[in-house]
PDB file of N, CA and C in Angstrom:
ATOM      1  N   MET A   1     216.783 283.504 204.421  1.00  0.00           N
ATOM      2  CA  MET A   1     215.995 283.105 203.251  1.00  0.00           C
ATOM      3  C   MET A   1     214.678 283.894 203.224  1.00  0.00           C
ATOM      4  N   TYR A   2     214.370 284.499 202.121  1.00  0.00           N
ATOM      5  CA  TYR A   2     213.127 285.234 201.993  1.00  0.00           C
ATOM      6  C   TYR A   2     211.965 284.256 201.812  1.00  0.00           C
ATOM      7  N   PRO A   3     210.748 284.644 202.206  1.00  0.00           N
ATOM      8  CA  PRO A   3     209.586 283.751 202.044  1.00  0.00           C
ATOM      9  C   PRO A   3     209.435 283.283 200.598  1.00  0.00           C
ATOM     10  N   ARG A   4     209.671 284.213 199.666  1.00  0.00           N
ATOM     11  CA  ARG A   4     209.534 283.835 198.250  1.00  0.00           C
ATOM     12  C   ARG A   4     210.500 282.712 197.899  1.00  0.00           C
ATOM     13  N   GLN A   5     211.742 282.844 198.361  1.00  0.00           N
ATOM     14  CA  GLN A   5     212.739 281.817 198.053  1.00  0.00           C
ATOM     15  C   GLN A   5     212.331 280.486 198.677  1.00  0.00           C
ATOM     16  N   ALA A   6     211.773 280.538 199.888  1.00  0.00           N
ATOM     17  CA  ALA A   6     211.334 279.307 200.557  1.00  0.00           C
ATOM     18  C   ALA A   6     210.218 278.658 199.738  1.00  0.00           C
ATOM     19  N   GLU A   7     209.261 279.489 199.278  1.00  0.00           N
ATOM     20  CA  GLU A   7     208.171 278.946 198.458  1.00  0.00           C
ATOM     21  C   GLU A   7     208.737 278.340 197.185  1.00  0.00           C
ATOM     22  N   PHE A   8     209.691 279.035 196.574  1.00  0.00           N
ATOM     23  CA  PHE A   8     210.289 278.541 195.341  1.00  0.00           C
ATOM     24  C   PHE A   8     210.984 277.206 195.582  1.00  0.00           C
ATOM     25  N   ALA A   9     211.701 277.121 196.731  1.00  0.00           N
ATOM     26  CA  ALA A   9     212.387 275.873 197.069  1.00  0.00           C
ATOM     27  C   ALA A   9     211.366 274.754 197.262  1.00  0.00           C
ATOM     28  N   ASP A  10     210.258 275.064 197.931  1.00  0.00           N
ATOM     29  CA  ASP A  10     209.220 274.053 198.126  1.00  0.00           C
ATOM     30  C   ASP A  10     208.658 273.618 196.776  1.00  0.00           C
ATOM     31  N   GLY A  11     208.436 274.577 195.890  1.00  0.00           N
ATOM     32  CA  GLY A  11     207.928 274.238 194.565  1.00  0.00           C
ATOM     33  C   GLY A  11     208.908 273.341 193.830  1.00  0.00           C
ATOM     34  N   LYS A  12     210.188 273.679 193.923  1.00  0.00           N
ATOM     35  CA  LYS A  12     211.216 272.852 193.285  1.00  0.00           C
ATOM     36  C   LYS A  12     211.179 271.435 193.841  1.00  0.00           C
ATOM     37  N   LEU A  13     211.081 271.338 195.175  1.00  0.00           N
ATOM     38  CA  LEU A  13     211.068 270.015 195.811  1.00  0.00           C
ATOM     39  C   LEU A  13     209.837 269.236 195.357  1.00  0.00           C
ATOM     40  N   SER A  14     208.685 269.904 195.314  1.00  0.00           N
ATOM     41  CA  SER A  14     207.461 269.200 194.934  1.00  0.00           C
ATOM     42  C   SER A  14     207.556 268.721 193.488  1.00  0.00           C
ATOM     43  N   ILE A  15     208.331 269.441 192.663  1.00  0.00           N
ATOM     44  CA  ILE A  15     208.506 269.020 191.266  1.00  0.00           C
ATOM     45  C   ILE A  15     209.544 267.903 191.176  1.00  0.00           C
ATOM     46  N   LEU A  16     210.649 268.080 191.930  1.00  0.00           N
ATOM     47  CA  LEU A  16     211.762 267.124 191.811  1.00  0.00           C
ATOM     48  C   LEU A  16     211.497 265.827 192.560  1.00  0.00           C
ATOM     49  N   ALA A  17     210.731 265.878 193.644  1.00  0.00           N
ATOM     50  CA  ALA A  17     210.505 264.672 194.450  1.00  0.00           C
ATOM     51  C   ALA A  17     209.871 263.551 193.620  1.00  0.00           C
ATOM     52  N   PRO A  18     208.767 263.793 192.892  1.00  0.00           N
ATOM     53  CA  PRO A  18     208.185 262.713 192.085  1.00  0.00           C
ATOM     54  C   PRO A  18     209.158 262.215 191.019  1.00  0.00           C
ATOM     55  N   ILE A  19     209.910 263.144 190.413  1.00  0.00           N
ATOM     56  CA  ILE A  19     210.883 262.741 189.387  1.00  0.00           C
ATOM     57  C   ILE A  19     211.936 261.837 190.007  1.00  0.00           C
ATOM     58  N   GLY A  20     212.449 262.233 191.170  1.00  0.00           N
ATOM     59  CA  GLY A  20     213.444 261.412 191.853  1.00  0.00           C
ATOM     60  C   GLY A  20     212.875 260.047 192.211  1.00  0.00           C
ATOM     61  N   ALA A  21     211.617 260.034 192.659  1.00  0.00           N
ATOM     62  CA  ALA A  21     210.992 258.763 193.030  1.00  0.00           C
ATOM     63  C   ALA A  21     210.863 257.865 191.806  1.00  0.00           C
ATOM     64  N   THR A  22     210.439 258.442 190.677  1.00  0.00           N
ATOM     65  CA  THR A  22     210.299 257.619 189.474  1.00  0.00           C
ATOM     66  C   THR A  22     211.659 257.134 189.007  1.00  0.00           C
ATOM     67  N   LEU A  23     212.683 257.994 189.087  1.00  0.00           N
ATOM     68  CA  LEU A  23     214.028 257.561 188.685  1.00  0.00           C
ATOM     69  C   LEU A  23     214.506 256.415 189.563  1.00  0.00           C
ATOM     70  N   LEU A  24     214.268 256.527 190.883  1.00  0.00           N
ATOM     71  CA  LEU A  24     214.666 255.447 191.790  1.00  0.00           C
ATOM     72  C   LEU A  24     213.883 254.183 191.449  1.00  0.00           C
ATOM     73  N   GLY A  25     212.595 254.337 191.178  1.00  0.00           N
ATOM     74  CA  GLY A  25     211.776 253.173 190.823  1.00  0.00           C
ATOM     75  C   GLY A  25     212.278 252.523 189.536  1.00  0.00           C
ATOM     76  N   LEU A  26     212.617 253.359 188.540  1.00  0.00           N
ATOM     77  CA  LEU A  26     213.137 252.818 187.285  1.00  0.00           C
ATOM     78  C   LEU A  26     214.458 252.108 187.526  1.00  0.00           C
ATOM     79  N   ARG A  27     215.299 252.702 188.366  1.00  0.00           N
ATOM     80  CA  ARG A  27     216.601 252.098 188.644  1.00  0.00           C
ATOM     81  C   ARG A  27     216.405 250.745 189.326  1.00  0.00           C
ATOM     82  N   ALA A  28     215.388 250.663 190.207  1.00  0.00           N
ATOM     83  CA  ALA A  28     215.117 249.400 190.903  1.00  0.00           C
ATOM     84  C   ALA A  28     214.570 248.360 189.918  1.00  0.00           C
ATOM     85  N   GLN A  29     213.820 248.807 188.911  1.00  0.00           N
ATOM     86  CA  GLN A  29     213.199 247.884 187.965  1.00  0.00           C
ATOM     87  C   GLN A  29     214.019 247.742 186.687  1.00  0.00           C
ATOM     88  N   LYS A  30     215.228 248.272 186.680  1.00  0.00           N
ATOM     89  CA  LYS A  30     216.017 248.300 185.454  1.00  0.00           C
ATOM     90  C   LYS A  30     216.148 246.919 184.808  1.00  0.00           C
ATOM     91  N   PRO A  31     216.538 245.877 185.538  1.00  0.00           N
ATOM     92  CA  PRO A  31     216.668 244.565 184.897  1.00  0.00           C
ATOM     93  C   PRO A  31     215.361 244.148 184.226  1.00  0.00           C
ATOM     94  N   ARG A  32     214.241 244.382 184.916  1.00  0.00           N
ATOM     95  CA  ARG A  32     212.939 244.015 184.356  1.00  0.00           C
ATOM     96  C   ARG A  32     212.670 244.825 183.095  1.00  0.00           C
ATOM     97  N   VAL A  33     212.942 246.133 183.147  1.00  0.00           N
ATOM     98  CA  VAL A  33     212.696 247.004 181.994  1.00  0.00           C
ATOM     99  C   VAL A  33     213.562 246.571 180.815  1.00  0.00           C
ATOM    100  N   ILE A  34     214.818 246.263 181.087  1.00  0.00           N
ATOM    101  CA  ILE A  34     215.721 245.853 180.015  1.00  0.00           C
ATOM    102  C   ILE A  34     215.216 244.564 179.370  1.00  0.00           C
ATOM    103  N   SER A  35     214.771 243.602 180.184  1.00  0.00           N
ATOM    104  CA  SER A  35     214.284 242.339 179.635  1.00  0.00           C
ATOM    105  C   SER A  35     213.037 242.585 178.792  1.00  0.00           C
ATOM    106  N   ILE A  36     212.166 243.504 179.244  1.00  0.00           N
ATOM    107  CA  ILE A  36     210.961 243.829 178.477  1.00  0.00           C
ATOM    108  C   ILE A  36     211.360 244.444 177.137  1.00  0.00           C
ATOM    109  N   CYS A  37     212.335 245.367 177.159  1.00  0.00           N
ATOM    110  CA  CYS A  37     212.778 246.015 175.927  1.00  0.00           C
ATOM    111  C   CYS A  37     213.359 244.971 174.977  1.00  0.00           C
ATOM    112  N   ARG A  38     214.128 244.033 175.496  1.00  0.00           N
ATOM    113  CA  ARG A  38     214.717 243.000 174.642  1.00  0.00           C
ATOM    114  C   ARG A  38     213.624 242.152 174.016  1.00  0.00           C
ATOM    115  N   LYS A  39     212.597 241.804 174.822  1.00  0.00           N
ATOM    116  CA  LYS A  39     211.493 241.016 174.289  1.00  0.00           C
ATOM    117  C   LYS A  39     210.782 241.779 173.168  1.00  0.00           C
ATOM    118  N   GLN A  40     210.602 243.094 173.361  1.00  0.00           N
ATOM    119  CA  GLN A  40     209.889 243.888 172.359  1.00  0.00           C
ATOM    120  C   GLN A  40     210.728 244.019 171.093  1.00  0.00           C
ATOM    121  N   ARG A  41     212.046 244.085 171.229  1.00  0.00           N
ATOM    122  CA  ARG A  41     212.893 244.203 170.041  1.00  0.00           C
ATOM    123  C   ARG A  41     212.789 242.942 169.191  1.00  0.00           C
ATOM    124  N   VAL A  42     212.767 241.802 169.853  1.00  0.00           N
ATOM    125  CA  VAL A  42     212.676 240.538 169.117  1.00  0.00           C
ATOM    126  C   VAL A  42     211.223 240.309 168.737  1.00  0.00           C
TER     127      VAL A  42
END
C-alpha cells in the first residue's frame, strides 16, 4: 500500500466512521423516531 493510499483510506474511515455511528444510533432509536414521526403526522 502506498502512503497516499493509506492516507486516503484514513480519510475515508474518518468520513465513514461518524456516518456509521449515526446510522447505528438511528437504528437503535428507530422505534422512538417512528413514534415521533407518527405524532408529528397527527
